Amino acid sequence: MDPSRFDPLIQIAETRVDEAAGAYAQVNGQLSLQENRLGDLRRFASEYHAIPNGRTDALQLANRRAFAARVDDVARQQAQQVDHARRAAERQREALVEARRDAEALRRLAAARRAEALRKAERRSQVELDDLAVRGFVARRQEEA
């Protein structure tokens, strides 16, 4: 097989690597965004819980507790979003690693085929040179006889 026939396959594989890297960067950006939101929510909840109750009536206290519970629920939901984004980033990282592995395997295969083609060409050349040397030797022997 002509080693240059691998070039389009290598190009396709490298395009897949580039696409996988772009997708990984995108999901990693989403993960960072989700983590930042979670951090903000947790800070807000912590600060809200730290505010002293002071003198409040039962209705204000109930409202405060309900709001605090709602903030905690939102923080838990955001933590789930972070977990989901983390899993998506890990899947995309694995896809990137696999795409890189495939591209590298194709490059190695093409290099091996090129080396094999070069060895075959060198062998053919050596056989031709040996044949010429034998013919020259036989011709000189016949002239001497």
N, C-alpha and C. Protein backbone atom coordinates (compact mmCIF):
# COMPACT_ATOMS: atom_id res chain seq x y z
N MET A 1 0.85 -1.17 0.00
CA MET A 1 0.00 0.00 0.00
C MET A 1 0.89 1.24 0.00
N ASP A 2 0.53 2.19 -0.81
CA ASP A 2 1.25 3.45 -0.91
C ASP A 2 1.11 4.21 0.40
N PRO A 3 2.24 4.53 1.05
CA PRO A 3 2.16 5.21 2.35
C PRO A 3 1.45 6.56 2.29
N SER A 4 1.47 7.21 1.15
CA SER A 4 0.82 8.52 1.06
C SER A 4 -0.71 8.40 1.11
N ARG A 5 -1.21 7.19 0.97
CA ARG A 5 -2.66 6.99 1.06
C ARG A 5 -3.16 7.19 2.49
N PHE A 6 -2.23 7.18 3.44
CA PHE A 6 -2.60 7.42 4.84
C PHE A 6 -2.80 8.91 5.12
N ASP A 7 -2.25 9.76 4.29
CA ASP A 7 -2.29 11.20 4.56
C ASP A 7 -3.72 11.73 4.76
N PRO A 8 -4.68 11.39 3.88
CA PRO A 8 -6.04 11.88 4.12
C PRO A 8 -6.64 11.33 5.43
N LEU A 9 -6.32 10.08 5.74
CA LEU A 9 -6.82 9.50 6.99
C LEU A 9 -6.23 10.21 8.20
N ILE A 10 -4.94 10.53 8.12
CA ILE A 10 -4.29 11.25 9.20
C ILE A 10 -4.90 12.64 9.34
N GLN A 11 -5.17 13.27 8.21
CA GLN A 11 -5.77 14.60 8.25
C GLN A 11 -7.16 14.56 8.91
N ILE A 12 -7.94 13.55 8.57
CA ILE A 12 -9.27 13.39 9.18
C ILE A 12 -9.12 13.15 10.68
N ALA A 13 -8.17 12.31 11.06
CA ALA A 13 -7.95 12.02 12.48
C ALA A 13 -7.51 13.28 13.23
N GLU A 14 -6.67 14.08 12.61
CA GLU A 14 -6.23 15.32 13.26
C GLU A 14 -7.38 16.32 13.37
N THR A 15 -8.27 16.33 12.38
CA THR A 15 -9.45 17.18 12.46
C THR A 15 -10.33 16.74 13.63
N ARG A 16 -10.46 15.44 13.80
CA ARG A 16 -11.24 14.91 14.93
C ARG A 16 -10.60 15.29 16.27
N VAL A 17 -9.28 15.28 16.31
CA VAL A 17 -8.59 15.70 17.54
C VAL A 17 -8.90 17.16 17.82
N ASP A 18 -8.82 18.00 16.78
CA ASP A 18 -9.11 19.43 16.96
C ASP A 18 -10.54 19.65 17.42
N GLU A 19 -11.48 18.92 16.83
CA GLU A 19 -12.88 19.05 17.22
C GLU A 19 -13.09 18.59 18.66
N ALA A 20 -12.46 17.47 19.02
CA ALA A 20 -12.59 16.95 20.39
C ALA A 20 -11.96 17.93 21.38
N ALA A 21 -10.85 18.55 21.01
CA ALA A 21 -10.20 19.53 21.90
C ALA A 21 -11.11 20.75 22.08
N GLY A 22 -11.74 21.18 21.00
CA GLY A 22 -12.67 22.31 21.11
C GLY A 22 -13.86 21.98 21.98
N ALA A 23 -14.41 20.79 21.80
CA ALA A 23 -15.55 20.37 22.62
C ALA A 23 -15.14 20.24 24.08
N TYR A 24 -13.94 19.73 24.31
CA TYR A 24 -13.45 19.60 25.69
C TYR A 24 -13.28 20.98 26.32
N ALA A 25 -12.74 21.91 25.58
CA ALA A 25 -12.58 23.27 26.10
C ALA A 25 -13.95 23.88 26.44
N GLN A 26 -14.92 23.60 25.59
CA GLN A 26 -16.26 24.14 25.82
C GLN A 26 -16.88 23.55 27.09
N VAL A 27 -16.84 22.24 27.24
CA VAL A 27 -17.44 21.64 28.45
C VAL A 27 -16.64 21.99 29.70
N ASN A 28 -15.34 22.17 29.53
CA ASN A 28 -14.53 22.59 30.67
C ASN A 28 -14.90 24.01 31.10
N GLY A 29 -15.19 24.86 30.12
CA GLY A 29 -15.66 26.22 30.43
C GLY A 29 -17.00 26.18 31.15
N GLN A 30 -17.89 25.30 30.70
CA GLN A 30 -19.18 25.14 31.37
C GLN A 30 -19.00 24.64 32.80
N LEU A 31 -18.07 23.71 32.97
CA LEU A 31 -17.79 23.19 34.31
C LEU A 31 -17.30 24.33 35.21
N SER A 32 -16.40 25.14 34.72
CA SER A 32 -15.90 26.27 35.53
C SER A 32 -17.03 27.23 35.89
N LEU A 33 -17.88 27.50 34.92
CA LEU A 33 -19.02 28.39 35.16
C LEU A 33 -19.93 27.81 36.24
N GLN A 34 -20.25 26.52 36.13
CA GLN A 34 -21.12 25.86 37.11
C GLN A 34 -20.47 25.85 38.50
N GLU A 35 -19.16 25.59 38.54
CA GLU A 35 -18.45 25.59 39.83
C GLU A 35 -18.45 26.99 40.45
N ASN A 36 -18.27 28.02 39.63
CA ASN A 36 -18.31 29.40 40.14
C ASN A 36 -19.68 29.74 40.70
N ARG A 37 -20.73 29.32 39.99
CA ARG A 37 -22.09 29.57 40.48
C ARG A 37 -22.31 28.88 41.82
N LEU A 38 -21.85 27.64 41.90
CA LEU A 38 -22.00 26.89 43.16
C LEU A 38 -21.24 27.60 44.29
N GLY A 39 -20.04 28.04 44.00
CA GLY A 39 -19.27 28.76 45.02
C GLY A 39 -19.99 30.02 45.47
N ASP A 40 -20.56 30.76 44.51
CA ASP A 40 -21.31 31.96 44.86
C ASP A 40 -22.52 31.63 45.73
N LEU A 41 -23.26 30.59 45.35
CA LEU A 41 -24.43 30.19 46.13
C LEU A 41 -24.03 29.77 47.54
N ARG A 42 -22.97 29.01 47.66
CA ARG A 42 -22.54 28.55 48.98
C ARG A 42 -22.08 29.72 49.85
N ARG A 43 -21.38 30.68 49.24
CA ARG A 43 -20.96 31.86 50.00
C ARG A 43 -22.19 32.66 50.47
N PHE A 44 -23.15 32.83 49.54
CA PHE A 44 -24.36 33.56 49.90
C PHE A 44 -25.09 32.86 51.04
N ALA A 45 -25.25 31.54 50.92
CA ALA A 45 -25.95 30.78 51.96
C ALA A 45 -25.22 30.89 53.28
N SER A 46 -23.91 30.80 53.23
CA SER A 46 -23.12 30.90 54.46
C SER A 46 -23.27 32.28 55.10
N GLU A 47 -23.21 33.30 54.27
CA GLU A 47 -23.37 34.66 54.79
C GLU A 47 -24.78 34.87 55.33
N TYR A 48 -25.78 34.35 54.64
CA TYR A 48 -27.16 34.51 55.08
C TYR A 48 -27.39 33.81 56.40
N HIS A 49 -26.83 32.60 56.53
CA HIS A 49 -26.99 31.86 57.79
C HIS A 49 -26.23 32.55 58.93
N ALA A 50 -25.22 33.30 58.61
CA ALA A 50 -24.41 33.96 59.64
C ALA A 50 -25.04 35.25 60.15
N ILE A 51 -26.01 35.80 59.43
CA ILE A 51 -26.66 37.03 59.86
C ILE A 51 -27.45 36.73 61.13
N PRO A 52 -27.22 37.52 62.16
CA PRO A 52 -27.95 37.24 63.41
C PRO A 52 -29.45 37.50 63.23
N ASN A 53 -30.24 36.72 63.93
CA ASN A 53 -31.70 36.84 63.84
C ASN A 53 -32.20 38.15 64.46
N GLY A 54 -31.58 38.56 65.50
CA GLY A 54 -32.03 39.79 66.17
C GLY A 54 -33.44 39.63 66.69
N ARG A 55 -34.12 40.74 66.77
CA ARG A 55 -35.51 40.69 67.25
C ARG A 55 -36.42 40.55 66.06
N THR A 56 -36.99 39.41 65.92
CA THR A 56 -37.92 39.16 64.82
C THR A 56 -39.14 38.46 65.38
N ASP A 57 -40.25 38.68 64.70
CA ASP A 57 -41.47 37.98 65.12
C ASP A 57 -41.51 36.61 64.46
N ALA A 58 -42.48 35.83 64.77
CA ALA A 58 -42.59 34.45 64.29
C ALA A 58 -42.72 34.39 62.77
N LEU A 59 -43.44 35.32 62.17
CA LEU A 59 -43.62 35.34 60.72
C LEU A 59 -42.30 35.65 60.02
N GLN A 60 -41.56 36.62 60.51
CA GLN A 60 -40.27 36.94 59.92
C GLN A 60 -39.30 35.77 60.07
N LEU A 61 -39.33 35.13 61.21
CA LEU A 61 -38.46 33.98 61.45
C LEU A 61 -38.82 32.84 60.50
N ALA A 62 -40.11 32.58 60.30
CA ALA A 62 -40.55 31.53 59.38
C ALA A 62 -40.13 31.88 57.95
N ASN A 63 -40.29 33.13 57.57
CA ASN A 63 -39.87 33.57 56.23
C ASN A 63 -38.36 33.42 56.05
N ARG A 64 -37.64 33.77 57.07
CA ARG A 64 -36.18 33.67 57.01
C ARG A 64 -35.75 32.21 56.85
N ARG A 65 -36.36 31.34 57.64
CA ARG A 65 -36.03 29.91 57.54
C ARG A 65 -36.43 29.34 56.19
N ALA A 66 -37.58 29.74 55.68
CA ALA A 66 -38.03 29.26 54.35
C ALA A 66 -37.06 29.72 53.27
N PHE A 67 -36.63 30.99 53.37
CA PHE A 67 -35.68 31.50 52.38
C PHE A 67 -34.35 30.76 52.48
N ALA A 68 -33.88 30.53 53.69
CA ALA A 68 -32.63 29.80 53.89
C ALA A 68 -32.74 28.39 53.32
N ALA A 69 -33.88 27.74 53.55
CA ALA A 69 -34.08 26.39 53.01
C ALA A 69 -34.08 26.43 51.48
N ARG A 70 -34.70 27.45 50.91
CA ARG A 70 -34.73 27.58 49.45
C ARG A 70 -33.32 27.80 48.89
N VAL A 71 -32.53 28.62 49.53
CA VAL A 71 -31.15 28.84 49.10
C VAL A 71 -30.36 27.54 49.18
N ASP A 72 -30.55 26.78 50.25
CA ASP A 72 -29.87 25.49 50.39
C ASP A 72 -30.29 24.52 49.28
N ASP A 73 -31.59 24.51 48.94
CA ASP A 73 -32.08 23.66 47.86
C ASP A 73 -31.44 24.04 46.53
N VAL A 74 -31.38 25.33 46.27
CA VAL A 74 -30.77 25.80 45.02
C VAL A 74 -29.29 25.41 44.99
N ALA A 75 -28.61 25.51 46.11
CA ALA A 75 -27.20 25.12 46.19
C ALA A 75 -27.04 23.62 45.91
N ARG A 76 -27.95 22.80 46.45
CA ARG A 76 -27.90 21.35 46.17
C ARG A 76 -28.14 21.07 44.69
N GLN A 77 -29.10 21.76 44.10
CA GLN A 77 -29.37 21.59 42.67
C GLN A 77 -28.14 22.02 41.85
N GLN A 78 -27.51 23.09 42.26
CA GLN A 78 -26.32 23.55 41.55
C GLN A 78 -25.18 22.55 41.70
N ALA A 79 -25.08 21.93 42.87
CA ALA A 79 -24.06 20.89 43.07
C ALA A 79 -24.31 19.73 42.11
N GLN A 80 -25.57 19.41 41.88
CA GLN A 80 -25.90 18.36 40.91
C GLN A 80 -25.49 18.79 39.50
N GLN A 81 -25.71 20.07 39.18
CA GLN A 81 -25.29 20.59 37.87
C GLN A 81 -23.77 20.49 37.72
N VAL A 82 -23.06 20.78 38.80
CA VAL A 82 -21.59 20.68 38.76
C VAL A 82 -21.18 19.23 38.53
N ASP A 83 -21.82 18.30 39.22
CA ASP A 83 -21.50 16.88 39.02
C ASP A 83 -21.77 16.46 37.58
N HIS A 84 -22.89 16.90 37.05
CA HIS A 84 -23.24 16.58 35.67
C HIS A 84 -22.19 17.17 34.71
N ALA A 85 -21.80 18.42 34.95
CA ALA A 85 -20.80 19.08 34.10
C ALA A 85 -19.45 18.37 34.23
N ARG A 86 -19.14 17.90 35.42
CA ARG A 86 -17.87 17.18 35.63
C ARG A 86 -17.86 15.87 34.84
N ARG A 87 -18.98 15.16 34.88
CA ARG A 87 -19.06 13.90 34.12
C ARG A 87 -18.96 14.16 32.63
N ALA A 88 -19.62 15.23 32.17
CA ALA A 88 -19.56 15.58 30.74
C ALA A 88 -18.13 15.94 30.35
N ALA A 89 -17.44 16.67 31.21
CA ALA A 89 -16.05 17.05 30.93
C ALA A 89 -15.16 15.80 30.90
N GLU A 90 -15.40 14.87 31.79
CA GLU A 90 -14.61 13.65 31.82
C GLU A 90 -14.85 12.81 30.56
N ARG A 91 -16.11 12.71 30.15
CA ARG A 91 -16.41 11.98 28.91
C ARG A 91 -15.72 12.64 27.72
N GLN A 92 -15.76 13.95 27.68
CA GLN A 92 -15.16 14.66 26.56
C GLN A 92 -13.63 14.54 26.60
N ARG A 93 -13.06 14.52 27.80
CA ARG A 93 -11.61 14.34 27.93
C ARG A 93 -11.22 12.95 27.41
N GLU A 94 -12.03 11.96 27.76
CA GLU A 94 -11.76 10.60 27.27
C GLU A 94 -11.87 10.54 25.75
N ALA A 95 -12.85 11.24 25.19
CA ALA A 95 -12.98 11.28 23.73
C ALA A 95 -11.77 11.95 23.10
N LEU A 96 -11.25 12.99 23.73
CA LEU A 96 -10.06 13.67 23.22
C LEU A 96 -8.85 12.74 23.28
N VAL A 97 -8.69 12.06 24.39
CA VAL A 97 -7.57 11.12 24.53
C VAL A 97 -7.66 10.03 23.47
N GLU A 98 -8.85 9.52 23.25
CA GLU A 98 -9.03 8.47 22.24
C GLU A 98 -8.74 9.00 20.84
N ALA A 99 -9.20 10.20 20.54
CA ALA A 99 -8.94 10.79 19.22
C ALA A 99 -7.44 10.99 19.02
N ARG A 100 -6.76 11.45 20.06
CA ARG A 100 -5.30 11.63 19.96
C ARG A 100 -4.61 10.28 19.76
N ARG A 101 -5.08 9.27 20.48
CA ARG A 101 -4.50 7.93 20.36
C ARG A 101 -4.68 7.39 18.94
N ASP A 102 -5.88 7.58 18.39
CA ASP A 102 -6.15 7.11 17.03
C ASP A 102 -5.27 7.82 16.01
N ALA A 103 -5.15 9.13 16.15
CA ALA A 103 -4.32 9.91 15.22
C ALA A 103 -2.87 9.47 15.32
N GLU A 104 -2.39 9.25 16.53
CA GLU A 104 -1.00 8.83 16.71
C GLU A 104 -0.78 7.44 16.12
N ALA A 105 -1.75 6.56 16.28
CA ALA A 105 -1.63 5.21 15.71
C ALA A 105 -1.56 5.28 14.19
N LEU A 106 -2.36 6.14 13.58
CA LEU A 106 -2.30 6.30 12.13
C LEU A 106 -0.95 6.87 11.69
N ARG A 107 -0.45 7.85 12.44
CA ARG A 107 0.86 8.43 12.10
C ARG A 107 1.97 7.37 12.21
N ARG A 108 1.91 6.55 13.26
CA ARG A 108 2.92 5.49 13.41
C ARG A 108 2.80 4.46 12.29
N LEU A 109 1.56 4.09 11.96
CA LEU A 109 1.36 3.13 10.88
C LEU A 109 1.88 3.68 9.56
N ALA A 110 1.59 4.94 9.27
CA ALA A 110 2.08 5.55 8.04
C ALA A 110 3.61 5.60 8.03
N ALA A 111 4.20 5.93 9.17
CA ALA A 111 5.66 5.97 9.25
C ALA A 111 6.25 4.58 9.04
N ALA A 112 5.61 3.57 9.61
CA ALA A 112 6.08 2.19 9.43
C ALA A 112 5.97 1.77 7.96
N ARG A 113 4.86 2.15 7.31
CA ARG A 113 4.70 1.80 5.89
C ARG A 113 5.72 2.54 5.03
N ARG A 114 6.00 3.80 5.39
CA ARG A 114 7.02 4.55 4.63
C ARG A 114 8.39 3.89 4.80
N ALA A 115 8.71 3.50 6.02
CA ALA A 115 9.99 2.84 6.28
C ALA A 115 10.06 1.51 5.53
N GLU A 116 8.97 0.78 5.51
CA GLU A 116 8.91 -0.50 4.79
C GLU A 116 9.10 -0.27 3.28
N ALA A 117 8.44 0.75 2.75
CA ALA A 117 8.58 1.06 1.32
C ALA A 117 10.02 1.46 1.01
N LEU A 118 10.65 2.20 1.89
CA LEU A 118 12.04 2.59 1.69
C LEU A 118 12.96 1.38 1.73
N ARG A 119 12.73 0.47 2.67
CA ARG A 119 13.54 -0.76 2.73
C ARG A 119 13.37 -1.59 1.46
N LYS A 120 12.15 -1.70 0.97
CA LYS A 120 11.92 -2.46 -0.26
C LYS A 120 12.63 -1.81 -1.44
N ALA A 121 12.57 -0.50 -1.53
CA ALA A 121 13.24 0.21 -2.62
C ALA A 121 14.75 0.01 -2.52
N GLU A 122 15.28 0.07 -1.30
CA GLU A 122 16.72 -0.15 -1.11
C GLU A 122 17.10 -1.58 -1.49
N ARG A 123 16.26 -2.54 -1.14
CA ARG A 123 16.54 -3.94 -1.51
C ARG A 123 16.53 -4.12 -3.02
N ARG A 124 15.53 -3.51 -3.68
CA ARG A 124 15.47 -3.60 -5.15
C ARG A 124 16.71 -2.98 -5.77
N SER A 125 17.11 -1.85 -5.24
CA SER A 125 18.29 -1.17 -5.75
C SER A 125 19.53 -2.03 -5.53
N GLN A 126 19.63 -2.66 -4.35
CA GLN A 126 20.77 -3.51 -4.06
C GLN A 126 20.79 -4.74 -4.97
N VAL A 127 19.62 -5.32 -5.22
CA VAL A 127 19.52 -6.47 -6.12
C VAL A 127 19.99 -6.07 -7.52
N GLU A 128 19.57 -4.90 -8.00
CA GLU A 128 19.99 -4.42 -9.31
C GLU A 128 21.49 -4.20 -9.36
N LEU A 129 22.04 -3.61 -8.30
CA LEU A 129 23.49 -3.39 -8.25
C LEU A 129 24.23 -4.72 -8.22
N ASP A 130 23.73 -5.67 -7.43
CA ASP A 130 24.35 -6.99 -7.38
C ASP A 130 24.29 -7.67 -8.73
N ASP A 131 23.15 -7.55 -9.42
CA ASP A 131 22.98 -8.13 -10.74
C ASP A 131 23.96 -7.52 -11.73
N LEU A 132 24.11 -6.22 -11.69
CA LEU A 132 25.08 -5.55 -12.56
C LEU A 132 26.50 -6.01 -12.27
N ALA A 133 26.81 -6.16 -10.98
CA ALA A 133 28.15 -6.61 -10.61
C ALA A 133 28.40 -8.02 -11.11
N VAL A 134 27.43 -8.90 -10.98
CA VAL A 134 27.57 -10.29 -11.45
C VAL A 134 27.74 -10.31 -12.97
N ARG A 135 26.93 -9.53 -13.67
CA ARG A 135 27.05 -9.47 -15.14
C ARG A 135 28.43 -8.96 -15.56
N GLY A 136 28.88 -7.93 -14.85
CA GLY A 136 30.22 -7.40 -15.17
C GLY A 136 31.29 -8.44 -14.92
N PHE A 137 31.18 -9.17 -13.83
CA PHE A 137 32.14 -10.21 -13.50
C PHE A 137 32.12 -11.32 -14.56
N VAL A 138 30.93 -11.76 -14.93
CA VAL A 138 30.77 -12.81 -15.94
C VAL A 138 31.31 -12.33 -17.28
N ALA A 139 31.04 -11.08 -17.63
CA ALA A 139 31.52 -10.54 -18.91
C ALA A 139 33.04 -10.49 -18.92
N ARG A 140 33.67 -10.10 -17.84
CA ARG A 140 35.14 -10.05 -17.78
C ARG A 140 35.73 -11.45 -17.85
N ARG A 141 35.10 -12.41 -17.23
CA ARG A 141 35.56 -13.80 -17.28
C ARG A 141 35.49 -14.34 -18.70
N GLN A 142 34.41 -14.00 -19.39
CA GLN A 142 34.28 -14.49 -20.76
C GLN A 142 35.30 -13.84 -21.67
N GLU A 143 35.64 -12.58 -21.43
CA GLU A 143 36.66 -11.91 -22.24
C GLU A 143 38.04 -12.49 -21.98
N GLU A 144 38.29 -12.91 -20.72
CA GLU A 144 39.58 -13.48 -20.37
C GLU A 144 39.74 -14.88 -20.95
N ALA A 145 38.67 -15.55 -21.17
CA ALA A 145 38.76 -16.92 -21.65
C ALA A 145 38.93 -17.04 -23.11
